[in-house]
Each structure stands twice: as structure tokens, then as C-alpha cells.
Full PDB file with SEQRES, HELIX, SHEET, SSBOND, CRYST1, ORIGX, SCALE, CONECT and MASTER records, all heavy atoms in Angstrom:
SEQRES   1 A   31  ILE ASP ASN SER ARG ILE GLN LYS MET LEU ASP ILE LYS          
SEQRES   2 A   31  LEU ARG VAL PHE ASN LYS GLU ILE THR PRO ALA ASP ALA          
SEQRES   3 A   31  ARG LYS LEU VAL ASN                                          
HELIX    1 AA1 ASN A    3  PHE A   17  1                                  15    
HELIX    2 AA2 PRO A   23  VAL A   30  1                                   8    
CRYST1    1.000    1.000    1.000  90.00  90.00  90.00 P 1           1          
ORIGX1      1.000000  0.000000  0.000000        0.00000                         
ORIGX2      0.000000  1.000000  0.000000        0.00000                         
ORIGX3      0.000000  0.000000  1.000000        0.00000                         
SCALE1      1.000000  0.000000  0.000000        0.00000                         
SCALE2      0.000000  1.000000  0.000000        0.00000                         
SCALE3      0.000000  0.000000  1.000000        0.00000                         
ATOM      1  N   ILE A   1     106.537 108.721 121.625  1.00  0.00           N  
ATOM      2  CA  ILE A   1     106.210 107.557 120.805  1.00  0.00           C  
ATOM      3  C   ILE A   1     104.972 106.849 121.346  1.00  0.00           C  
ATOM      4  O   ILE A   1     104.841 106.642 122.551  1.00  0.00           O  
ATOM      5  CB  ILE A   1     107.397 106.561 120.798  1.00  0.00           C  
ATOM      6  CG1 ILE A   1     108.638 107.200 120.185  1.00  0.00           C  
ATOM      7  CG2 ILE A   1     107.054 105.266 120.132  1.00  0.00           C  
ATOM      8  CD1 ILE A   1     108.554 107.436 118.708  1.00  0.00           C  
ATOM      9  N   ASP A   2     104.083 106.466 120.443  1.00  0.00           N  
ATOM     10  CA  ASP A   2     102.904 105.664 120.767  1.00  0.00           C  
ATOM     11  C   ASP A   2     103.250 104.204 120.461  1.00  0.00           C  
ATOM     12  O   ASP A   2     103.414 103.829 119.299  1.00  0.00           O  
ATOM     13  CB  ASP A   2     101.724 106.137 119.916  1.00  0.00           C  
ATOM     14  CG  ASP A   2     100.459 105.328 120.125  1.00  0.00           C  
ATOM     15  OD1 ASP A   2     100.520 104.196 120.644  1.00  0.00           O  
ATOM     16  OD2 ASP A   2      99.385 105.826 119.733  1.00  0.00           O  
ATOM     17  N   ASN A   3     103.362 103.398 121.507  1.00  0.00           N  
ATOM     18  CA  ASN A   3     103.791 102.006 121.337  1.00  0.00           C  
ATOM     19  C   ASN A   3     102.879 101.188 120.437  1.00  0.00           C  
ATOM     20  O   ASN A   3     103.346 100.306 119.721  1.00  0.00           O  
ATOM     21  CB  ASN A   3     103.938 101.315 122.702  1.00  0.00           C  
ATOM     22  CG  ASN A   3     105.180 101.765 123.425  1.00  0.00           C  
ATOM     23  OD1 ASN A   3     106.194 102.097 122.813  1.00  0.00           O  
ATOM     24  ND2 ASN A   3     105.106 101.793 124.747  1.00  0.00           N  
ATOM     25  N   SER A   4     101.574 101.474 120.442  1.00  0.00           N  
ATOM     26  CA  SER A   4     100.667 100.696 119.594  1.00  0.00           C  
ATOM     27  C   SER A   4     100.925 100.992 118.107  1.00  0.00           C  
ATOM     28  O   SER A   4     100.867 100.090 117.270  1.00  0.00           O  
ATOM     29  CB  SER A   4      99.204 100.964 119.955  1.00  0.00           C  
ATOM     30  OG  SER A   4      98.842 102.296 119.674  1.00  0.00           O  
ATOM     31  N   ARG A   5     101.236 102.244 117.795  1.00  0.00           N  
ATOM     32  CA  ARG A   5     101.579 102.591 116.411  1.00  0.00           C  
ATOM     33  C   ARG A   5     102.878 101.900 115.990  1.00  0.00           C  
ATOM     34  O   ARG A   5     102.973 101.378 114.885  1.00  0.00           O  
ATOM     35  CB  ARG A   5     101.731 104.115 116.254  1.00  0.00           C  
ATOM     36  CG  ARG A   5     100.423 104.867 116.276  1.00  0.00           C  
ATOM     37  CD  ARG A   5     100.631 106.375 116.218  1.00  0.00           C  
ATOM     38  NE  ARG A   5     101.431 106.841 115.105  1.00  0.00           N  
ATOM     39  CZ  ARG A   5     100.970 107.057 113.878  1.00  0.00           C  
ATOM     40  NH1 ARG A   5      99.693 106.833 113.605  1.00  0.00           N  
ATOM     41  NH2 ARG A   5     101.768 107.497 112.922  1.00  0.00           N  
ATOM     42  N   ILE A   6     103.845 101.906 116.885  1.00  0.00           N  
ATOM     43  CA  ILE A   6     105.128 101.268 116.588  1.00  0.00           C  
ATOM     44  C   ILE A   6     104.911  99.787 116.345  1.00  0.00           C  
ATOM     45  O   ILE A   6     105.478  99.205 115.408  1.00  0.00           O  
ATOM     46  CB  ILE A   6     106.143 101.497 117.733  1.00  0.00           C  
ATOM     47  CG1 ILE A   6     106.428 102.991 117.922  1.00  0.00           C  
ATOM     48  CG2 ILE A   6     107.429 100.707 117.487  1.00  0.00           C  
ATOM     49  CD1 ILE A   6     106.981 103.696 116.707  1.00  0.00           C  
ATOM     50  N   GLN A   7     104.099  99.153 117.173  1.00  0.00           N  
ATOM     51  CA  GLN A   7     103.860  97.718 117.012  1.00  0.00           C  
ATOM     52  C   GLN A   7     103.189  97.405 115.669  1.00  0.00           C  
ATOM     53  O   GLN A   7     103.541  96.433 114.999  1.00  0.00           O  
ATOM     54  CB  GLN A   7     103.003  97.178 118.165  1.00  0.00           C  
ATOM     55  CG  GLN A   7     102.935  95.673 118.207  1.00  0.00           C  
ATOM     56  CD  GLN A   7     104.317  95.029 118.282  1.00  0.00           C  
ATOM     57  OE1 GLN A   7     105.113  95.348 119.138  1.00  0.00           O  
ATOM     58  NE2 GLN A   7     104.597  94.120 117.354  1.00  0.00           N  
ATOM     59  N   LYS A   8     102.228  98.248 115.262  1.00  0.00           N  
ATOM     60  CA  LYS A   8     101.584  98.054 113.954  1.00  0.00           C  
ATOM     61  C   LYS A   8     102.600  98.177 112.825  1.00  0.00           C  
ATOM     62  O   LYS A   8     102.594  97.391 111.870  1.00  0.00           O  
ATOM     63  CB  LYS A   8     100.453  99.067 113.760  1.00  0.00           C  
ATOM     64  CG  LYS A   8      99.231  98.806 114.619  1.00  0.00           C  
ATOM     65  CD  LYS A   8      98.212  99.919 114.462  1.00  0.00           C  
ATOM     66  CE  LYS A   8      97.071  99.749 115.446  1.00  0.00           C  
ATOM     67  NZ  LYS A   8      96.132 100.870 115.397  1.00  0.00           N  
ATOM     68  N   MET A   9     103.484  99.189 112.931  1.00  0.00           N  
ATOM     69  CA  MET A   9     104.524  99.356 111.911  1.00  0.00           C  
ATOM     70  C   MET A   9     105.457  98.156 111.890  1.00  0.00           C  
ATOM     71  O   MET A   9     105.804  97.650 110.817  1.00  0.00           O  
ATOM     72  CB  MET A   9     105.344 100.629 112.176  1.00  0.00           C  
ATOM     73  CG  MET A   9     104.635 101.885 111.805  1.00  0.00           C  
ATOM     74  SD  MET A   9     105.630 103.409 111.932  1.00  0.00           S  
ATOM     75  CE  MET A   9     107.066 102.976 112.819  1.00  0.00           C  
ATOM     76  N   LEU A  10     105.870  97.710 113.062  1.00  0.00           N  
ATOM     77  CA  LEU A  10     106.779  96.562 113.149  1.00  0.00           C  
ATOM     78  C   LEU A  10     106.156  95.316 112.544  1.00  0.00           C  
ATOM     79  O   LEU A  10     106.827  94.568 111.820  1.00  0.00           O  
ATOM     80  CB  LEU A  10     107.160  96.295 114.606  1.00  0.00           C  
ATOM     81  CG  LEU A  10     108.174  97.237 115.221  1.00  0.00           C  
ATOM     82  CD1 LEU A  10     108.332  96.953 116.708  1.00  0.00           C  
ATOM     83  CD2 LEU A  10     109.511  97.146 114.520  1.00  0.00           C  
ATOM     84  N   ASP A  11     104.897  95.098 112.831  1.00  0.00           N  
ATOM     85  CA  ASP A  11     104.211  93.921 112.281  1.00  0.00           C  
ATOM     86  C   ASP A  11     104.239  93.945 110.751  1.00  0.00           C  
ATOM     87  O   ASP A  11     104.526  92.926 110.112  1.00  0.00           O  
ATOM     88  CB  ASP A  11     102.768  93.855 112.780  1.00  0.00           C  
ATOM     89  CG  ASP A  11     102.657  93.513 114.261  1.00  0.00           C  
ATOM     90  OD1 ASP A  11     103.637  92.999 114.836  1.00  0.00           O  
ATOM     91  OD2 ASP A  11     101.575  93.753 114.829  1.00  0.00           O  
ATOM     92  N   ILE A  12     103.959  95.096 110.174  1.00  0.00           N  
ATOM     93  CA  ILE A  12     103.958  95.211 108.711  1.00  0.00           C  
ATOM     94  C   ILE A  12     105.364  95.016 108.164  1.00  0.00           C  
ATOM     95  O   ILE A  12     105.574  94.260 107.209  1.00  0.00           O  
ATOM     96  CB  ILE A  12     103.359  96.565 108.274  1.00  0.00           C  
ATOM     97  CG1 ILE A  12     101.869  96.621 108.648  1.00  0.00           C  
ATOM     98  CG2 ILE A  12     103.558  96.779 106.770  1.00  0.00           C  
ATOM     99  CD1 ILE A  12     101.234  97.998 108.513  1.00  0.00           C  
ATOM    100  N   LYS A  13     106.338  95.674 108.775  1.00  0.00           N  
ATOM    101  CA  LYS A  13     107.723  95.544 108.315  1.00  0.00           C  
ATOM    102  C   LYS A  13     108.199  94.093 108.390  1.00  0.00           C  
ATOM    103  O   LYS A  13     108.821  93.595 107.448  1.00  0.00           O  
ATOM    104  CB  LYS A  13     108.654  96.437 109.144  1.00  0.00           C  
ATOM    105  CG  LYS A  13     108.486  97.916 108.874  1.00  0.00           C  
ATOM    106  CD  LYS A  13     109.403  98.731 109.790  1.00  0.00           C  
ATOM    107  CE  LYS A  13     109.235 100.213 109.590  1.00  0.00           C  
ATOM    108  NZ  LYS A  13     110.157 100.992 110.426  1.00  0.00           N  
ATOM    109  N   LEU A  14     107.905  93.437 109.493  1.00  0.00           N  
ATOM    110  CA  LEU A  14     108.333  92.042 109.643  1.00  0.00           C  
ATOM    111  C   LEU A  14     107.677  91.140 108.605  1.00  0.00           C  
ATOM    112  O   LEU A  14     108.313  90.232 108.072  1.00  0.00           O  
ATOM    113  CB  LEU A  14     108.022  91.539 111.055  1.00  0.00           C  
ATOM    114  CG  LEU A  14     108.972  92.030 112.135  1.00  0.00           C  
ATOM    115  CD1 LEU A  14     108.453  91.655 113.510  1.00  0.00           C  
ATOM    116  CD2 LEU A  14     110.377  91.467 111.911  1.00  0.00           C  
ATOM    117  N   ARG A  15     106.403  91.398 108.328  1.00  0.00           N  
ATOM    118  CA  ARG A  15     105.714  90.593 107.304  1.00  0.00           C  
ATOM    119  C   ARG A  15     106.369  90.778 105.938  1.00  0.00           C  
ATOM    120  O   ARG A  15     106.485  89.827 105.167  1.00  0.00           O  
ATOM    121  CB  ARG A  15     104.238  90.953 107.267  1.00  0.00           C  
ATOM    122  CG  ARG A  15     103.489  90.460 108.521  1.00  0.00           C  
ATOM    123  CD  ARG A  15     102.052  90.887 108.548  1.00  0.00           C  
ATOM    124  NE  ARG A  15     101.311  90.235 107.461  1.00  0.00           N  
ATOM    125  CZ  ARG A  15     100.103  90.610 107.072  1.00  0.00           C  
ATOM    126  NH1 ARG A  15      99.488  91.619 107.673  1.00  0.00           N  
ATOM    127  NH2 ARG A  15      99.503  89.984 106.100  1.00  0.00           N  
ATOM    128  N   VAL A  16     106.836  91.997 105.646  1.00  0.00           N  
ATOM    129  CA  VAL A  16     107.530  92.243 104.376  1.00  0.00           C  
ATOM    130  C   VAL A  16     108.889  91.541 104.388  1.00  0.00           C  
ATOM    131  O   VAL A  16     109.238  90.831 103.434  1.00  0.00           O  
ATOM    132  CB  VAL A  16     107.697  93.756 104.104  1.00  0.00           C  
ATOM    133  CG1 VAL A  16     108.592  94.000 102.887  1.00  0.00           C  
ATOM    134  CG2 VAL A  16     106.338  94.406 103.907  1.00  0.00           C  
ATOM    135  N   PHE A  17     109.668  91.731 105.439  1.00  0.00           N  
ATOM    136  CA  PHE A  17     110.992  91.107 105.514  1.00  0.00           C  
ATOM    137  C   PHE A  17     110.904  89.585 105.470  1.00  0.00           C  
ATOM    138  O   PHE A  17     111.763  88.926 104.885  1.00  0.00           O  
ATOM    139  CB  PHE A  17     111.734  91.538 106.785  1.00  0.00           C  
ATOM    140  CG  PHE A  17     112.433  92.861 106.663  1.00  0.00           C  
ATOM    141  CD1 PHE A  17     112.043  93.941 107.428  1.00  0.00           C  
ATOM    142  CD2 PHE A  17     113.490  93.032 105.778  1.00  0.00           C  
ATOM    143  CE1 PHE A  17     112.685  95.162 107.322  1.00  0.00           C  
ATOM    144  CE2 PHE A  17     114.145  94.247 105.663  1.00  0.00           C  
ATOM    145  CZ  PHE A  17     113.739  95.318 106.441  1.00  0.00           C  
ATOM    146  N   ASN A  18     109.851  89.020 106.085  1.00  0.00           N  
ATOM    147  CA  ASN A  18     109.680  87.563 106.105  1.00  0.00           C  
ATOM    148  C   ASN A  18     108.956  87.038 104.874  1.00  0.00           C  
ATOM    149  O   ASN A  18     108.601  85.867 104.798  1.00  0.00           O  
ATOM    150  CB  ASN A  18     108.937  87.138 107.374  1.00  0.00           C  
ATOM    151  CG  ASN A  18     109.769  87.354 108.618  1.00  0.00           C  
ATOM    152  OD1 ASN A  18     110.996  87.252 108.591  1.00  0.00           O  
ATOM    153  ND2 ASN A  18     109.109  87.677 109.717  1.00  0.00           N  
ATOM    154  N   LYS A  19     108.679  87.952 103.918  1.00  0.00           N  
ATOM    155  CA  LYS A  19     108.044  87.611 102.639  1.00  0.00           C  
ATOM    156  C   LYS A  19     106.656  86.982 102.835  1.00  0.00           C  
ATOM    157  O   LYS A  19     106.215  86.162 102.053  1.00  0.00           O  
ATOM    158  CB  LYS A  19     108.940  86.688 101.814  1.00  0.00           C  
ATOM    159  CG  LYS A  19     110.358  87.200 101.657  1.00  0.00           C  
ATOM    160  CD  LYS A  19     110.725  87.373 100.225  1.00  0.00           C  
ATOM    161  CE  LYS A  19     112.170  87.747 100.023  1.00  0.00           C  
ATOM    162  NZ  LYS A  19     112.502  89.111 100.281  1.00  0.00           N  
ATOM    163  N   GLU A  20     105.974  87.419 103.896  1.00  0.00           N  
ATOM    164  CA  GLU A  20     104.610  86.964 104.154  1.00  0.00           C  
ATOM    165  C   GLU A  20     103.596  87.834 103.414  1.00  0.00           C  
ATOM    166  O   GLU A  20     102.431  87.462 103.294  1.00  0.00           O  
ATOM    167  CB  GLU A  20     104.314  87.023 105.662  1.00  0.00           C  
ATOM    168  CG  GLU A  20     105.175  86.089 106.484  1.00  0.00           C  
ATOM    169  CD  GLU A  20     105.035  86.351 107.977  1.00  0.00           C  
ATOM    170  OE1 GLU A  20     104.168  87.158 108.389  1.00  0.00           O  
ATOM    171  OE2 GLU A  20     105.804  85.742 108.733  1.00  0.00           O  
ATOM    172  N   ILE A  21     104.052  88.992 102.971  1.00  0.00           N  
ATOM    173  CA  ILE A  21     103.202  89.939 102.272  1.00  0.00           C  
ATOM    174  C   ILE A  21     104.084  90.673 101.247  1.00  0.00           C  
ATOM    175  O   ILE A  21     105.257  90.903 101.501  1.00  0.00           O  
ATOM    176  CB  ILE A  21     102.551  90.941 103.278  1.00  0.00           C  
ATOM    177  CG1 ILE A  21     101.518  91.832 102.602  1.00  0.00           C  
ATOM    178  CG2 ILE A  21     103.584  91.729 104.028  1.00  0.00           C  
ATOM    179  CD1 ILE A  21     100.725  92.690 103.596  1.00  0.00           C  
ATOM    180  N   THR A  22     103.518  91.001 100.117  1.00  0.00           N  
ATOM    181  CA  THR A  22     104.290  91.724  99.105  1.00  0.00           C  
ATOM    182  C   THR A  22     104.421  93.187  99.517  1.00  0.00           C  
ATOM    183  O   THR A  22     103.555  93.709 100.248  1.00  0.00           O  
ATOM    184  CB  THR A  22     103.619  91.659  97.721  1.00  0.00           C  
ATOM    185  OG1 THR A  22     102.383  92.399  97.783  1.00  0.00           O  
ATOM    186  CG2 THR A  22     103.378  90.224  97.277  1.00  0.00           C  
ATOM    187  N   PRO A  23     105.456  93.856  99.041  1.00  0.00           N  
ATOM    188  CA  PRO A  23     105.556  95.287  99.343  1.00  0.00           C  
ATOM    189  C   PRO A  23     104.330  96.071  98.871  1.00  0.00           C  
ATOM    190  O   PRO A  23     103.886  96.988  99.564  1.00  0.00           O  
ATOM    191  CB  PRO A  23     106.827  95.712  98.591  1.00  0.00           C  
ATOM    192  CG  PRO A  23     107.675  94.470  98.580  1.00  0.00           C  
ATOM    193  CD  PRO A  23     106.679  93.347  98.396  1.00  0.00           C  
ATOM    194  N   ALA A  24     103.770  95.699  97.734  1.00  0.00           N  
ATOM    195  CA  ALA A  24     102.583  96.414  97.235  1.00  0.00           C  
ATOM    196  C   ALA A  24     101.399  96.245  98.186  1.00  0.00           C  
ATOM    197  O   ALA A  24     100.691  97.209  98.489  1.00  0.00           O  
ATOM    198  CB  ALA A  24     102.218  95.909  95.840  1.00  0.00           C  
ATOM    199  N   ASP A  25     101.177  95.016  98.670  1.00  0.00           N  
ATOM    200  CA  ASP A  25     100.089  94.791  99.621  1.00  0.00           C  
ATOM    201  C   ASP A  25     100.373  95.483 100.953  1.00  0.00           C  
ATOM    202  O   ASP A  25      99.463  96.013 101.594  1.00  0.00           O  
ATOM    203  CB  ASP A  25      99.859  93.293  99.831  1.00  0.00           C  
ATOM    204  CG  ASP A  25      99.218  92.625  98.625  1.00  0.00           C  
ATOM    205  OD1 ASP A  25      98.603  93.330  97.804  1.00  0.00           O  
ATOM    206  OD2 ASP A  25      99.354  91.380  98.500  1.00  0.00           O  
ATOM    207  N   ALA A  26     101.629  95.488 101.347  1.00  0.00           N  
ATOM    208  CA  ALA A  26     102.012  96.155 102.594  1.00  0.00           C  
ATOM    209  C   ALA A  26     101.772  97.659 102.490  1.00  0.00           C  
ATOM    210  O   ALA A  26     101.315  98.292 103.443  1.00  0.00           O  
ATOM    211  CB  ALA A  26     103.474  95.862 102.918  1.00  0.00           C  
ATOM    212  N   ARG A  27     102.060  98.216 101.326  1.00  0.00           N  
ATOM    213  CA  ARG A  27     101.851  99.654 101.122  1.00  0.00           C  
ATOM    214  C   ARG A  27     100.369 100.001 101.257  1.00  0.00           C  
ATOM    215  O   ARG A  27     100.007 101.010 101.882  1.00  0.00           O  
ATOM    216  CB  ARG A  27     102.380 100.052  99.752  1.00  0.00           C  
ATOM    217  CG  ARG A  27     102.361 101.532  99.507  1.00  0.00           C  
ATOM    218  CD  ARG A  27     103.103 101.832  98.236  1.00  0.00           C  
ATOM    219  NE  ARG A  27     103.015 103.216  97.877  1.00  0.00           N  
ATOM    220  CZ  ARG A  27     103.421 103.705  96.743  1.00  0.00           C  
ATOM    221  NH1 ARG A  27     103.964 102.915  95.844  1.00  0.00           N  
ATOM    222  NH2 ARG A  27     103.300 104.975  96.497  1.00  0.00           N  
ATOM    223  N   LYS A  28      99.503  99.166 100.690  1.00  0.00           N  
ATOM    224  CA  LYS A  28      98.057  99.384 100.840  1.00  0.00           C  
ATOM    225  C   LYS A  28      97.665  99.337 102.314  1.00  0.00           C  
ATOM    226  O   LYS A  28      96.890 100.171 102.796  1.00  0.00           O  
ATOM    227  CB  LYS A  28      97.278  98.329 100.060  1.00  0.00           C  
ATOM    228  CG  LYS A  28      97.345  98.494  98.567  1.00  0.00           C  
ATOM    229  CD  LYS A  28      96.596  97.370  97.867  1.00  0.00           C  
ATOM    230  CE  LYS A  28      96.918  97.340  96.383  1.00  0.00           C  
ATOM    231  NZ  LYS A  28      96.454  96.139  95.723  1.00  0.00           N  
ATOM    232  N   LEU A  29      98.199  98.349 103.027  1.00  0.00           N  
ATOM    233  CA  LEU A  29      97.905  98.197 104.446  1.00  0.00           C  
ATOM    234  C   LEU A  29      98.401  99.404 105.244  1.00  0.00           C  
ATOM    235  O   LEU A  29      97.689  99.916 106.117  1.00  0.00           O  
ATOM    236  CB  LEU A  29      98.532  96.902 104.970  1.00  0.00           C  
ATOM    237  CG  LEU A  29      98.281  96.534 106.420  1.00  0.00           C  
ATOM    238  CD1 LEU A  29      96.783  96.422 106.709  1.00  0.00           C  
ATOM    239  CD2 LEU A  29      98.984  95.225 106.748  1.00  0.00           C  
ATOM    240  N   VAL A  30      99.593  99.859 104.948  1.00  0.00           N  
ATOM    241  CA  VAL A  30     100.139 101.039 105.628  1.00  0.00           C  
ATOM    242  C   VAL A  30      99.249 102.246 105.371  1.00  0.00           C  
ATOM    243  O   VAL A  30      98.916 102.995 106.292  1.00  0.00           O  
ATOM    244  CB  VAL A  30     101.595 101.308 105.169  1.00  0.00           C  
ATOM    245  CG1 VAL A  30     102.033 102.724 105.533  1.00  0.00           C  
ATOM    246  CG2 VAL A  30     102.544 100.284 105.773  1.00  0.00           C  
ATOM    247  N   ASN A  31      98.852 102.446 104.117  1.00  0.00           N  
ATOM    248  CA  ASN A  31      98.021 103.606 103.778  1.00  0.00           C  
ATOM    249  C   ASN A  31      96.648 103.537 104.428  1.00  0.00           C  
ATOM    250  O   ASN A  31      96.056 104.573 104.726  1.00  0.00           O  
ATOM    251  CB  ASN A  31      97.898 103.747 102.262  1.00  0.00           C  
ATOM    252  CG  ASN A  31      99.191 104.183 101.608  1.00  0.00           C  
ATOM    253  OD1 ASN A  31     100.081 104.719 102.266  1.00  0.00           O  
ATOM    254  ND2 ASN A  31      99.323 103.935 100.324  1.00  0.00           N  
TER     255      ASN A  31                                                      
MASTER        0    0    0    2    0    0    0    6  254    1    0    3          
END                                                                             
């Protein structure tokens, strides 16, 4: 596991769960 990749994923997931970003915007960011 690459911890920096995990942290980036966690940040995006948390922003979605906390409703700070829409799933559509998060998907663009992930891609």
C-alpha cells in the first residue's frame, strides 16, 4: 500500500460523506 494514495482516497471519500462535495464532482476528482 502507498500511504499517500490512501490519504488522497480518504480525503475524497470523507468530503463525499461529509457532503462537502457532490458525488459527481468527487468522481471527476478521482478520475
